[in-house]
Amino acid sequence: MSHRFMVRWVWPALLSAAILSSTAVTVSPSAAAKWAGAEPCVTSNGSTLKQQYGYSVAVVTSNCTEVPAGQRWAASVPWTMNSRFDEKPSGFATDFATPVDDFRAKIQSIEYVVDAGSAYQTNRSFPGDNKIWAGQHPSGPDLPTVNTVGLGSLDPLPVGTHTVDVSWNLSAPHCDGFTADQGTSCLPQGETLVKRITFKVVDPNSDESAES
């Protein structure tokens, strides 16, 4: 699968993430092409997201935006990389032969902000560890992908509409191995906003849920 093909899968909501006002968080480069494509609730091979990632809680994505009331949940953030460092920017340092191993070594934590800016805002952090999922993503099956969905789950939320912002905290810059351009292939050191999702918590027993 070519790098140009992966460009078509850029997650468009990253462009709107720049509206965040926090100066402590860097917004992921809008040109970063390795955000895997659409993640529906059921994949093309018939697996649910829980099955895909071997996870026991509800998985929220930009395409799968309903969580049953009372369930714990987590946000899916897949990052697709090259199988090796075919190219890398000048000055980029790594002790690892593959981008996947480089990412695993440099991810320190993920940060969740739920309902940012509201009276009910909550913040939660999970350390980066060996619970990071690694495999081949359905929308980019020829390339390795990692996903931080398994690093930790969040408490059930009340019925209604919610938002979640997910940031990755890296100990050093990480690059995906596709190009030598830092703006399109790398994530910076520190905390970077990588995903924002608006989703709903629904009561599966309500009349509205029964009709949908």
N, C-alpha and C. Protein backbone atom coordinates (compact mmCIF):
# COMPACT_ATOMS: atom_id res chain seq x y z
N MET A 1 0.86 -1.19 0.00
CA MET A 1 0.00 0.00 0.00
C MET A 1 0.88 1.23 0.00
N SER A 2 0.67 2.16 -0.90
CA SER A 2 1.53 3.32 -1.05
C SER A 2 1.22 4.39 -0.03
N HIS A 3 2.22 5.26 0.17
CA HIS A 3 2.02 6.39 1.08
C HIS A 3 0.91 7.30 0.54
N ARG A 4 0.85 7.46 -0.77
CA ARG A 4 -0.21 8.31 -1.35
C ARG A 4 -1.60 7.76 -1.05
N PHE A 5 -1.72 6.43 -1.07
CA PHE A 5 -3.02 5.85 -0.74
C PHE A 5 -3.39 6.17 0.70
N MET A 6 -2.42 6.08 1.60
CA MET A 6 -2.71 6.34 3.00
C MET A 6 -3.10 7.79 3.23
N VAL A 7 -2.60 8.72 2.38
CA VAL A 7 -2.96 10.13 2.52
C VAL A 7 -4.46 10.32 2.41
N ARG A 8 -5.11 9.51 1.60
CA ARG A 8 -6.55 9.64 1.42
C ARG A 8 -7.32 9.29 2.69
N TRP A 9 -6.63 8.63 3.64
CA TRP A 9 -7.30 8.20 4.86
C TRP A 9 -7.07 9.16 6.02
N VAL A 10 -6.53 10.35 5.74
CA VAL A 10 -6.31 11.30 6.82
C VAL A 10 -7.60 11.53 7.58
N TRP A 11 -7.53 11.45 8.89
CA TRP A 11 -8.73 11.66 9.71
C TRP A 11 -9.09 13.13 9.69
N PRO A 12 -10.19 13.53 9.01
CA PRO A 12 -10.47 14.95 8.82
C PRO A 12 -10.72 15.72 10.08
N ALA A 13 -11.17 15.06 11.15
CA ALA A 13 -11.46 15.81 12.37
C ALA A 13 -10.20 16.37 13.02
N LEU A 14 -9.02 15.87 12.64
CA LEU A 14 -7.81 16.45 13.19
C LEU A 14 -7.68 17.92 12.80
N LEU A 15 -8.21 18.27 11.63
CA LEU A 15 -8.12 19.64 11.18
C LEU A 15 -8.91 20.57 12.09
N SER A 16 -10.06 20.10 12.57
CA SER A 16 -10.88 20.94 13.44
C SER A 16 -10.37 20.97 14.86
N ALA A 17 -9.44 20.08 15.20
CA ALA A 17 -8.94 20.02 16.57
C ALA A 17 -8.17 21.27 16.96
N ALA A 18 -7.78 22.08 15.98
CA ALA A 18 -7.00 23.27 16.27
C ALA A 18 -7.78 24.31 17.06
N ILE A 19 -9.08 24.09 17.24
CA ILE A 19 -9.86 25.06 18.00
C ILE A 19 -9.58 24.97 19.49
N LEU A 20 -8.88 23.91 19.93
CA LEU A 20 -8.56 23.81 21.35
C LEU A 20 -7.69 24.99 21.75
N SER A 21 -7.97 25.56 22.89
CA SER A 21 -7.24 26.74 23.31
C SER A 21 -6.05 26.44 24.20
N SER A 22 -5.94 25.21 24.71
CA SER A 22 -4.86 24.90 25.63
C SER A 22 -3.50 25.03 24.96
N THR A 23 -2.60 25.81 25.55
CA THR A 23 -1.28 25.98 24.98
C THR A 23 -0.33 24.86 25.39
N ALA A 24 -0.76 24.00 26.32
CA ALA A 24 0.10 22.92 26.79
C ALA A 24 0.04 21.71 25.88
N VAL A 25 -0.90 21.69 24.95
CA VAL A 25 -1.10 20.53 24.09
C VAL A 25 -0.83 20.92 22.66
N THR A 26 0.01 20.15 21.99
CA THR A 26 0.27 20.35 20.58
C THR A 26 -0.78 19.60 19.77
N VAL A 27 -1.28 20.21 18.70
CA VAL A 27 -2.23 19.53 17.82
C VAL A 27 -1.45 18.70 16.82
N SER A 28 -1.88 17.46 16.62
CA SER A 28 -1.19 16.59 15.68
C SER A 28 -1.14 17.22 14.31
N PRO A 29 -0.01 17.08 13.58
CA PRO A 29 0.11 17.68 12.25
C PRO A 29 -1.04 17.29 11.34
N SER A 30 -1.66 18.27 10.71
CA SER A 30 -2.83 17.98 9.88
C SER A 30 -2.48 17.13 8.68
N ALA A 31 -1.22 17.14 8.26
CA ALA A 31 -0.82 16.36 7.10
C ALA A 31 -0.47 14.93 7.44
N ALA A 32 -0.45 14.59 8.73
CA ALA A 32 -0.08 13.22 9.11
C ALA A 32 -1.06 12.23 8.50
N ALA A 33 -0.55 11.39 7.61
CA ALA A 33 -1.43 10.55 6.79
C ALA A 33 -1.64 9.17 7.36
N LYS A 34 -1.10 8.91 8.52
CA LYS A 34 -1.12 7.55 9.00
C LYS A 34 -2.25 7.24 9.97
N TRP A 35 -3.15 8.20 10.17
CA TRP A 35 -4.33 7.88 10.97
C TRP A 35 -5.18 6.94 10.14
N ALA A 36 -5.39 5.75 10.65
CA ALA A 36 -6.13 4.74 9.88
C ALA A 36 -7.53 5.23 9.55
N GLY A 37 -8.13 4.62 8.53
CA GLY A 37 -9.41 5.12 8.01
C GLY A 37 -10.59 4.80 8.89
N ALA A 38 -11.77 4.79 8.28
CA ALA A 38 -13.02 4.63 9.00
C ALA A 38 -13.02 3.37 9.86
N GLU A 39 -13.57 3.52 11.07
CA GLU A 39 -13.70 2.39 11.98
C GLU A 39 -15.17 2.20 12.34
N PRO A 40 -15.95 1.51 11.51
CA PRO A 40 -17.35 1.25 11.85
C PRO A 40 -17.45 0.28 13.01
N CYS A 41 -18.65 0.18 13.58
CA CYS A 41 -18.85 -0.70 14.74
C CYS A 41 -18.58 -2.16 14.39
N VAL A 42 -18.84 -2.52 13.13
CA VAL A 42 -18.56 -3.87 12.65
C VAL A 42 -17.62 -3.75 11.46
N THR A 43 -16.49 -4.44 11.49
CA THR A 43 -15.50 -4.32 10.43
C THR A 43 -15.96 -5.08 9.18
N SER A 44 -15.20 -4.91 8.10
CA SER A 44 -15.57 -5.54 6.83
C SER A 44 -15.55 -7.06 6.90
N ASN A 45 -14.81 -7.62 7.85
CA ASN A 45 -14.78 -9.08 7.99
C ASN A 45 -15.81 -9.61 8.97
N GLY A 46 -16.69 -8.70 9.45
CA GLY A 46 -17.77 -9.11 10.33
C GLY A 46 -17.46 -9.06 11.82
N SER A 47 -16.25 -8.64 12.17
CA SER A 47 -15.87 -8.57 13.58
C SER A 47 -16.33 -7.24 14.19
N THR A 48 -16.72 -7.29 15.44
CA THR A 48 -16.98 -6.05 16.16
C THR A 48 -15.65 -5.44 16.58
N LEU A 49 -15.68 -4.16 16.97
CA LEU A 49 -14.44 -3.52 17.41
C LEU A 49 -13.89 -4.20 18.67
N LYS A 50 -14.78 -4.65 19.55
CA LYS A 50 -14.32 -5.38 20.73
C LYS A 50 -13.53 -6.62 20.32
N GLN A 51 -14.04 -7.34 19.33
CA GLN A 51 -13.35 -8.53 18.86
C GLN A 51 -12.05 -8.18 18.16
N GLN A 52 -12.08 -7.12 17.35
CA GLN A 52 -10.90 -6.70 16.61
C GLN A 52 -9.73 -6.42 17.55
N TYR A 53 -10.03 -5.72 18.65
CA TYR A 53 -8.97 -5.31 19.55
C TYR A 53 -8.85 -6.19 20.79
N GLY A 54 -9.69 -7.23 20.90
CA GLY A 54 -9.62 -8.11 22.05
C GLY A 54 -9.89 -7.38 23.35
N TYR A 55 -10.91 -6.51 23.31
CA TYR A 55 -11.17 -5.63 24.43
C TYR A 55 -12.55 -5.94 24.99
N SER A 56 -12.75 -5.68 26.29
CA SER A 56 -13.98 -6.09 26.95
C SER A 56 -14.97 -4.94 27.18
N VAL A 57 -14.59 -3.70 26.84
CA VAL A 57 -15.48 -2.56 27.08
C VAL A 57 -15.90 -1.95 25.75
N ALA A 58 -16.85 -1.01 25.80
CA ALA A 58 -17.32 -0.35 24.58
C ALA A 58 -16.18 0.45 23.95
N VAL A 59 -16.09 0.39 22.62
CA VAL A 59 -15.06 1.11 21.88
C VAL A 59 -15.71 2.24 21.09
N VAL A 60 -15.24 3.46 21.30
CA VAL A 60 -15.78 4.63 20.63
C VAL A 60 -14.84 5.04 19.50
N THR A 61 -15.38 5.29 18.32
CA THR A 61 -14.61 5.80 17.19
C THR A 61 -15.41 6.93 16.54
N SER A 62 -14.82 7.56 15.53
CA SER A 62 -15.53 8.62 14.82
C SER A 62 -16.73 8.08 14.05
N ASN A 63 -16.77 6.76 13.81
CA ASN A 63 -17.87 6.14 13.07
C ASN A 63 -18.76 5.28 13.95
N CYS A 64 -18.30 4.98 15.14
CA CYS A 64 -19.07 4.14 16.07
C CYS A 64 -19.27 4.97 17.33
N THR A 65 -20.40 5.68 17.39
CA THR A 65 -20.53 6.78 18.35
C THR A 65 -21.65 6.59 19.36
N GLU A 66 -22.06 5.36 19.60
CA GLU A 66 -23.06 5.11 20.64
C GLU A 66 -22.53 4.12 21.66
N VAL A 67 -22.70 4.47 22.92
CA VAL A 67 -22.27 3.61 24.03
C VAL A 67 -23.49 3.30 24.88
N PRO A 68 -23.78 2.04 25.16
CA PRO A 68 -24.91 1.71 26.03
C PRO A 68 -24.68 2.26 27.44
N ALA A 69 -25.72 2.79 28.03
CA ALA A 69 -25.63 3.33 29.40
C ALA A 69 -25.13 2.25 30.36
N GLY A 70 -24.30 2.66 31.28
CA GLY A 70 -23.79 1.74 32.29
C GLY A 70 -22.53 1.01 31.90
N GLN A 71 -22.04 1.19 30.66
CA GLN A 71 -20.85 0.46 30.23
C GLN A 71 -19.60 1.34 30.33
N ARG A 72 -18.50 0.72 30.73
CA ARG A 72 -17.21 1.37 30.63
C ARG A 72 -16.82 1.46 29.16
N TRP A 73 -15.92 2.37 28.83
CA TRP A 73 -15.63 2.62 27.43
C TRP A 73 -14.21 3.16 27.26
N ALA A 74 -13.75 3.15 26.01
CA ALA A 74 -12.45 3.73 25.67
C ALA A 74 -12.49 4.19 24.22
N ALA A 75 -11.61 5.12 23.87
CA ALA A 75 -11.57 5.66 22.52
C ALA A 75 -10.48 4.98 21.69
N SER A 76 -10.84 4.62 20.47
CA SER A 76 -9.89 3.99 19.56
C SER A 76 -9.05 5.06 18.87
N VAL A 77 -7.72 4.91 18.94
CA VAL A 77 -6.82 5.84 18.24
C VAL A 77 -5.75 5.00 17.52
N PRO A 78 -6.05 4.52 16.31
CA PRO A 78 -5.07 3.73 15.57
C PRO A 78 -4.08 4.61 14.82
N TRP A 79 -2.84 4.20 14.82
CA TRP A 79 -1.76 4.92 14.14
C TRP A 79 -1.00 3.92 13.27
N THR A 80 -1.05 4.13 11.95
CA THR A 80 -0.46 3.20 11.00
C THR A 80 0.94 3.66 10.60
N MET A 81 1.86 2.72 10.56
CA MET A 81 3.26 3.04 10.27
C MET A 81 3.81 2.13 9.18
N ASN A 82 5.00 2.47 8.73
CA ASN A 82 5.72 1.61 7.80
C ASN A 82 6.29 0.42 8.57
N SER A 83 6.62 -0.62 7.87
CA SER A 83 7.19 -1.80 8.53
C SER A 83 8.66 -1.58 8.90
N ARG A 84 9.26 -0.55 8.34
CA ARG A 84 10.65 -0.20 8.67
C ARG A 84 10.84 1.29 8.37
N PHE A 85 11.99 1.81 8.74
CA PHE A 85 12.30 3.21 8.49
C PHE A 85 12.88 3.36 7.08
N ASP A 86 12.00 3.35 6.07
CA ASP A 86 12.48 3.57 4.71
C ASP A 86 13.08 4.97 4.58
N GLU A 87 12.44 5.93 5.25
CA GLU A 87 12.95 7.29 5.28
C GLU A 87 12.70 7.87 6.67
N LYS A 88 13.54 8.83 7.06
CA LYS A 88 13.33 9.54 8.31
C LYS A 88 13.99 10.90 8.23
N PRO A 89 13.44 11.87 8.96
CA PRO A 89 13.97 13.23 8.88
C PRO A 89 15.40 13.33 9.41
N SER A 90 16.13 14.30 8.91
CA SER A 90 17.48 14.56 9.40
C SER A 90 17.42 14.91 10.88
N GLY A 91 18.25 14.28 11.66
CA GLY A 91 18.30 14.56 13.09
C GLY A 91 17.39 13.69 13.93
N PHE A 92 16.51 12.91 13.29
CA PHE A 92 15.63 12.03 14.05
C PHE A 92 16.43 10.89 14.66
N ALA A 93 16.25 10.66 15.96
CA ALA A 93 17.03 9.65 16.67
C ALA A 93 16.14 8.51 17.15
N THR A 94 16.58 7.29 16.91
CA THR A 94 15.87 6.13 17.42
C THR A 94 16.86 4.99 17.64
N ASP A 95 16.58 4.17 18.62
CA ASP A 95 17.40 3.00 18.90
C ASP A 95 16.75 1.73 18.35
N PHE A 96 15.70 1.90 17.54
CA PHE A 96 14.91 0.74 17.13
C PHE A 96 14.85 0.62 15.61
N ALA A 97 14.72 -0.63 15.14
CA ALA A 97 14.73 -0.90 13.70
C ALA A 97 13.39 -0.62 13.05
N THR A 98 12.30 -0.63 13.82
CA THR A 98 10.98 -0.45 13.24
C THR A 98 10.24 0.69 13.92
N PRO A 99 9.35 1.38 13.19
CA PRO A 99 8.54 2.44 13.80
C PRO A 99 7.66 1.93 14.94
N VAL A 100 7.15 0.71 14.84
CA VAL A 100 6.31 0.17 15.91
C VAL A 100 7.09 0.09 17.22
N ASP A 101 8.30 -0.45 17.17
CA ASP A 101 9.11 -0.55 18.38
C ASP A 101 9.49 0.84 18.89
N ASP A 102 9.73 1.77 17.97
CA ASP A 102 10.05 3.14 18.37
C ASP A 102 8.87 3.76 19.12
N PHE A 103 7.65 3.56 18.60
CA PHE A 103 6.47 4.11 19.26
C PHE A 103 6.29 3.51 20.64
N ARG A 104 6.40 2.20 20.74
CA ARG A 104 6.22 1.53 22.03
C ARG A 104 7.19 2.08 23.08
N ALA A 105 8.41 2.37 22.65
CA ALA A 105 9.41 2.85 23.60
C ALA A 105 9.17 4.29 24.03
N LYS A 106 8.53 5.08 23.17
CA LYS A 106 8.42 6.51 23.43
C LYS A 106 7.07 6.96 23.98
N ILE A 107 6.03 6.13 23.90
CA ILE A 107 4.73 6.53 24.44
C ILE A 107 4.77 6.42 25.97
N GLN A 108 4.63 7.54 26.62
CA GLN A 108 4.68 7.55 28.08
C GLN A 108 3.30 7.42 28.71
N SER A 109 2.32 8.08 28.10
CA SER A 109 0.96 8.03 28.67
C SER A 109 -0.03 8.51 27.63
N ILE A 110 -1.31 8.20 27.88
CA ILE A 110 -2.39 8.82 27.12
C ILE A 110 -3.24 9.61 28.10
N GLU A 111 -3.77 10.72 27.60
CA GLU A 111 -4.56 11.62 28.43
C GLU A 111 -5.96 11.74 27.83
N TYR A 112 -6.97 11.50 28.66
CA TYR A 112 -8.36 11.68 28.25
C TYR A 112 -8.92 12.94 28.90
N VAL A 113 -9.59 13.78 28.12
CA VAL A 113 -10.39 14.88 28.66
C VAL A 113 -11.82 14.65 28.17
N VAL A 114 -12.73 14.41 29.09
CA VAL A 114 -14.12 14.12 28.75
C VAL A 114 -14.96 15.37 29.02
N ASP A 115 -15.77 15.74 28.02
CA ASP A 115 -16.65 16.92 28.12
C ASP A 115 -15.86 18.17 28.49
N ALA A 116 -14.81 18.42 27.70
CA ALA A 116 -13.91 19.54 27.96
C ALA A 116 -14.66 20.87 27.99
N GLY A 117 -14.35 21.70 28.98
CA GLY A 117 -14.93 23.02 29.09
C GLY A 117 -16.28 23.08 29.76
N SER A 118 -16.85 21.93 30.07
CA SER A 118 -18.16 21.90 30.73
C SER A 118 -17.98 21.81 32.24
N ALA A 119 -19.08 21.96 32.94
CA ALA A 119 -19.03 21.83 34.40
C ALA A 119 -18.74 20.40 34.83
N TYR A 120 -18.86 19.46 33.89
CA TYR A 120 -18.67 18.05 34.21
C TYR A 120 -17.37 17.49 33.64
N GLN A 121 -16.46 18.37 33.24
CA GLN A 121 -15.19 17.91 32.65
C GLN A 121 -14.45 16.98 33.60
N THR A 122 -13.93 15.89 33.04
CA THR A 122 -13.08 14.98 33.80
C THR A 122 -11.81 14.70 33.01
N ASN A 123 -10.73 14.50 33.73
CA ASN A 123 -9.43 14.20 33.13
C ASN A 123 -8.93 12.86 33.69
N ARG A 124 -8.36 12.06 32.81
CA ARG A 124 -7.84 10.76 33.24
C ARG A 124 -6.58 10.44 32.43
N SER A 125 -5.58 9.91 33.09
CA SER A 125 -4.33 9.55 32.43
C SER A 125 -4.04 8.07 32.65
N PHE A 126 -3.48 7.42 31.60
CA PHE A 126 -3.08 6.02 31.71
C PHE A 126 -1.65 5.89 31.19
N PRO A 127 -0.81 5.13 31.87
CA PRO A 127 0.58 4.98 31.41
C PRO A 127 0.67 4.14 30.14
N GLY A 128 1.64 4.46 29.30
CA GLY A 128 1.92 3.62 28.14
C GLY A 128 2.64 2.36 28.60
N ASP A 129 2.12 1.20 28.20
CA ASP A 129 2.75 -0.05 28.61
C ASP A 129 2.47 -1.12 27.58
N ASN A 130 2.65 -2.37 27.97
CA ASN A 130 2.54 -3.46 27.00
C ASN A 130 1.10 -3.79 26.60
N LYS A 131 0.12 -3.01 27.11
CA LYS A 131 -1.27 -3.24 26.69
C LYS A 131 -1.60 -2.53 25.38
N ILE A 132 -0.63 -1.85 24.79
CA ILE A 132 -0.85 -1.23 23.49
C ILE A 132 -1.13 -2.32 22.45
N TRP A 133 -2.23 -2.16 21.73
CA TRP A 133 -2.56 -3.13 20.67
C TRP A 133 -1.67 -2.91 19.46
N ALA A 134 -1.20 -3.98 18.84
CA ALA A 134 -0.41 -3.90 17.61
C ALA A 134 -0.89 -4.99 16.67
N GLY A 135 -1.06 -4.63 15.40
CA GLY A 135 -1.53 -5.59 14.41
C GLY A 135 -1.71 -4.89 13.08
N GLN A 136 -2.60 -5.44 12.24
CA GLN A 136 -2.89 -4.84 10.95
C GLN A 136 -4.32 -4.32 10.98
N HIS A 137 -4.46 -3.03 10.68
CA HIS A 137 -5.77 -2.41 10.73
C HIS A 137 -6.57 -2.75 9.48
N PRO A 138 -7.91 -2.94 9.60
CA PRO A 138 -8.72 -3.32 8.44
C PRO A 138 -8.63 -2.35 7.27
N SER A 139 -8.47 -1.04 7.54
CA SER A 139 -8.41 -0.07 6.44
C SER A 139 -7.00 0.10 5.89
N GLY A 140 -6.02 -0.53 6.50
CA GLY A 140 -4.65 -0.49 6.00
C GLY A 140 -3.98 -1.81 6.24
N PRO A 141 -4.53 -2.91 5.67
CA PRO A 141 -4.15 -4.26 6.07
C PRO A 141 -2.72 -4.66 5.73
N ASP A 142 -2.02 -3.89 4.91
CA ASP A 142 -0.67 -4.28 4.55
C ASP A 142 0.39 -3.63 5.43
N LEU A 143 -0.05 -2.83 6.39
CA LEU A 143 0.89 -2.06 7.19
C LEU A 143 0.63 -2.23 8.68
N PRO A 144 1.68 -2.20 9.49
CA PRO A 144 1.49 -2.35 10.94
C PRO A 144 0.81 -1.14 11.55
N THR A 145 0.00 -1.39 12.57
CA THR A 145 -0.76 -0.35 13.25
C THR A 145 -0.68 -0.59 14.76
N VAL A 146 -0.64 0.50 15.52
CA VAL A 146 -0.80 0.41 16.97
C VAL A 146 -2.08 1.15 17.34
N ASN A 147 -2.61 0.82 18.51
CA ASN A 147 -3.82 1.48 19.00
C ASN A 147 -3.73 1.54 20.53
N THR A 148 -3.97 2.74 21.08
CA THR A 148 -3.87 2.91 22.53
C THR A 148 -5.19 2.63 23.25
N VAL A 149 -6.16 2.05 22.54
CA VAL A 149 -7.48 1.81 23.12
C VAL A 149 -7.41 0.92 24.37
N GLY A 150 -6.45 0.01 24.42
CA GLY A 150 -6.39 -0.94 25.52
C GLY A 150 -5.64 -0.47 26.75
N LEU A 151 -5.14 0.76 26.75
CA LEU A 151 -4.34 1.22 27.89
C LEU A 151 -5.18 1.52 29.12
N GLY A 152 -6.48 1.73 28.92
CA GLY A 152 -7.33 1.99 30.08
C GLY A 152 -8.73 2.37 29.65
N SER A 153 -9.72 2.06 30.49
CA SER A 153 -11.11 2.38 30.17
C SER A 153 -11.63 3.41 31.16
N LEU A 154 -12.71 4.09 30.77
CA LEU A 154 -13.28 5.15 31.58
C LEU A 154 -14.63 4.76 32.16
N ASP A 155 -15.00 5.46 33.24
CA ASP A 155 -16.25 5.15 33.93
C ASP A 155 -17.46 5.43 33.04
N PRO A 156 -18.57 4.73 33.29
CA PRO A 156 -19.80 5.00 32.54
C PRO A 156 -20.23 6.46 32.70
N LEU A 157 -20.83 6.98 31.65
CA LEU A 157 -21.31 8.37 31.62
C LEU A 157 -22.84 8.40 31.61
N PRO A 158 -23.42 9.51 32.01
CA PRO A 158 -24.89 9.62 31.94
C PRO A 158 -25.39 9.66 30.49
N VAL A 159 -26.64 9.30 30.30
CA VAL A 159 -27.25 9.32 28.98
C VAL A 159 -27.17 10.74 28.42
N GLY A 160 -26.79 10.85 27.15
CA GLY A 160 -26.70 12.15 26.50
C GLY A 160 -25.48 12.22 25.59
N THR A 161 -25.21 13.42 25.07
CA THR A 161 -24.09 13.65 24.16
C THR A 161 -22.85 14.07 24.94
N HIS A 162 -21.72 13.50 24.55
CA HIS A 162 -20.45 13.77 25.23
C HIS A 162 -19.34 13.95 24.20
N THR A 163 -18.22 14.51 24.65
CA THR A 163 -17.03 14.61 23.82
C THR A 163 -15.85 14.01 24.57
N VAL A 164 -14.88 13.53 23.81
CA VAL A 164 -13.64 13.06 24.41
C VAL A 164 -12.48 13.53 23.55
N ASP A 165 -11.47 14.10 24.20
CA ASP A 165 -10.22 14.48 23.56
C ASP A 165 -9.15 13.52 24.06
N VAL A 166 -8.38 12.95 23.13
CA VAL A 166 -7.33 12.01 23.48
C VAL A 166 -5.99 12.60 23.07
N SER A 167 -5.05 12.64 24.01
CA SER A 167 -3.70 13.12 23.72
C SER A 167 -2.69 12.02 24.04
N TRP A 168 -1.63 12.00 23.26
CA TRP A 168 -0.51 11.10 23.53
C TRP A 168 0.66 11.90 24.06
N ASN A 169 1.32 11.39 25.08
CA ASN A 169 2.50 12.03 25.65
C ASN A 169 3.72 11.20 25.30
N LEU A 170 4.61 11.76 24.48
CA LEU A 170 5.79 11.04 24.00
C LEU A 170 7.05 11.58 24.67
N SER A 171 7.98 10.67 24.98
CA SER A 171 9.24 11.06 25.62
C SER A 171 10.21 11.71 24.65
N ALA A 172 10.00 11.47 23.35
CA ALA A 172 10.87 12.02 22.30
C ALA A 172 10.09 11.97 21.00
N PRO A 173 10.51 12.71 19.98
CA PRO A 173 9.80 12.67 18.70
C PRO A 173 9.73 11.24 18.13
N HIS A 174 8.60 10.93 17.52
CA HIS A 174 8.39 9.61 16.89
C HIS A 174 8.03 9.84 15.43
N CYS A 175 8.58 9.01 14.54
CA CYS A 175 8.29 9.12 13.11
C CYS A 175 7.83 7.77 12.58
N ASP A 176 7.02 7.83 11.51
CA ASP A 176 6.35 6.60 11.03
C ASP A 176 7.14 5.82 9.99
N GLY A 177 8.26 6.36 9.48
CA GLY A 177 9.08 5.62 8.54
C GLY A 177 8.71 5.77 7.09
N PHE A 178 7.65 6.54 6.79
CA PHE A 178 7.21 6.69 5.40
C PHE A 178 8.02 7.74 4.63
N THR A 179 8.24 8.89 5.25
CA THR A 179 8.90 9.99 4.56
C THR A 179 9.95 10.64 5.46
N ALA A 180 10.74 11.54 4.85
CA ALA A 180 11.73 12.30 5.59
C ALA A 180 11.19 13.66 6.00
N ASP A 181 9.90 13.89 5.79
CA ASP A 181 9.28 15.17 6.13
C ASP A 181 8.72 15.12 7.53
N GLN A 182 9.27 15.95 8.41
CA GLN A 182 8.86 15.91 9.81
C GLN A 182 7.40 16.28 10.00
N GLY A 183 6.89 17.20 9.17
CA GLY A 183 5.52 17.66 9.32
C GLY A 183 4.48 16.63 8.96
N THR A 184 4.82 15.70 8.06
CA THR A 184 3.83 14.71 7.64
C THR A 184 4.04 13.34 8.26
N SER A 185 5.21 13.09 8.80
CA SER A 185 5.52 11.73 9.25
C SER A 185 5.86 11.61 10.72
N CYS A 186 5.84 12.71 11.47
CA CYS A 186 6.32 12.63 12.84
C CYS A 186 5.35 13.25 13.84
N LEU A 187 5.42 12.77 15.06
CA LEU A 187 4.73 13.37 16.20
C LEU A 187 5.79 13.94 17.13
N PRO A 188 5.54 15.10 17.73
CA PRO A 188 6.57 15.75 18.54
C PRO A 188 6.68 15.17 19.95
N GLN A 189 7.77 15.51 20.60
CA GLN A 189 7.92 15.20 22.01
C GLN A 189 6.88 15.97 22.81
N GLY A 190 6.40 15.37 23.90
CA GLY A 190 5.42 16.03 24.75
C GLY A 190 4.01 15.57 24.45
N GLU A 191 3.06 16.37 24.88
CA GLU A 191 1.64 16.00 24.77
C GLU A 191 1.03 16.53 23.48
N THR A 192 0.42 15.64 22.70
CA THR A 192 -0.15 15.99 21.41
C THR A 192 -1.59 15.50 21.33
N LEU A 193 -2.49 16.39 20.99
CA LEU A 193 -3.88 15.98 20.76
C LEU A 193 -3.95 15.14 19.49
N VAL A 194 -4.44 13.91 19.61
CA VAL A 194 -4.48 13.03 18.46
C VAL A 194 -5.90 12.66 18.01
N LYS A 195 -6.89 12.89 18.87
CA LYS A 195 -8.25 12.55 18.44
C LYS A 195 -9.28 13.27 19.28
N ARG A 196 -10.38 13.68 18.62
CA ARG A 196 -11.55 14.25 19.30
C ARG A 196 -12.77 13.55 18.72
N ILE A 197 -13.63 13.07 19.59
CA ILE A 197 -14.84 12.35 19.17
C ILE A 197 -16.03 12.89 19.93
N THR A 198 -17.12 13.12 19.22
CA THR A 198 -18.42 13.40 19.84
C THR A 198 -19.25 12.12 19.76
N PHE A 199 -19.82 11.71 20.89
CA PHE A 199 -20.56 10.44 20.90
C PHE A 199 -21.75 10.55 21.86
N LYS A 200 -22.60 9.54 21.83
CA LYS A 200 -23.79 9.52 22.67
C LYS A 200 -23.80 8.30 23.57
N VAL A 201 -24.24 8.51 24.79
CA VAL A 201 -24.56 7.40 25.68
C VAL A 201 -26.06 7.21 25.63
N VAL A 202 -26.49 6.01 25.30
CA VAL A 202 -27.91 5.75 25.07
C VAL A 202 -28.41 4.67 26.01
N ASP A 203 -29.69 4.77 26.34
CA ASP A 203 -30.37 3.74 27.12
C ASP A 203 -30.94 2.72 26.15
N PRO A 204 -30.39 1.51 26.11
CA PRO A 204 -30.87 0.52 25.13
C PRO A 204 -32.32 0.12 25.33
N ASN A 205 -32.90 0.44 26.47
CA ASN A 205 -34.27 0.08 26.75
C ASN A 205 -35.26 1.21 26.47
N SER A 206 -34.74 2.37 26.06
CA SER A 206 -35.64 3.51 25.80
C SER A 206 -36.32 3.35 24.45
N ASP A 207 -37.44 4.05 24.28
CA ASP A 207 -38.19 4.00 23.02
C ASP A 207 -37.34 4.53 21.88
N GLU A 208 -36.55 5.58 22.13
CA GLU A 208 -35.73 6.17 21.08
C GLU A 208 -34.69 5.19 20.57
N SER A 209 -34.06 4.44 21.51
CA SER A 209 -33.06 3.46 21.11
C SER A 209 -33.70 2.31 20.35
N ALA A 210 -34.89 1.93 20.75
CA ALA A 210 -35.58 0.82 20.09
C ALA A 210 -35.93 1.17 18.66
N GLU A 211 -36.20 2.46 18.38
CA GLU A 211 -36.58 2.85 17.04
C GLU A 211 -35.39 3.05 16.13
N SER A 212 -34.17 3.28 16.70
CA SER A 212 -33.00 3.56 15.88
C SER A 212 -32.37 2.30 15.34
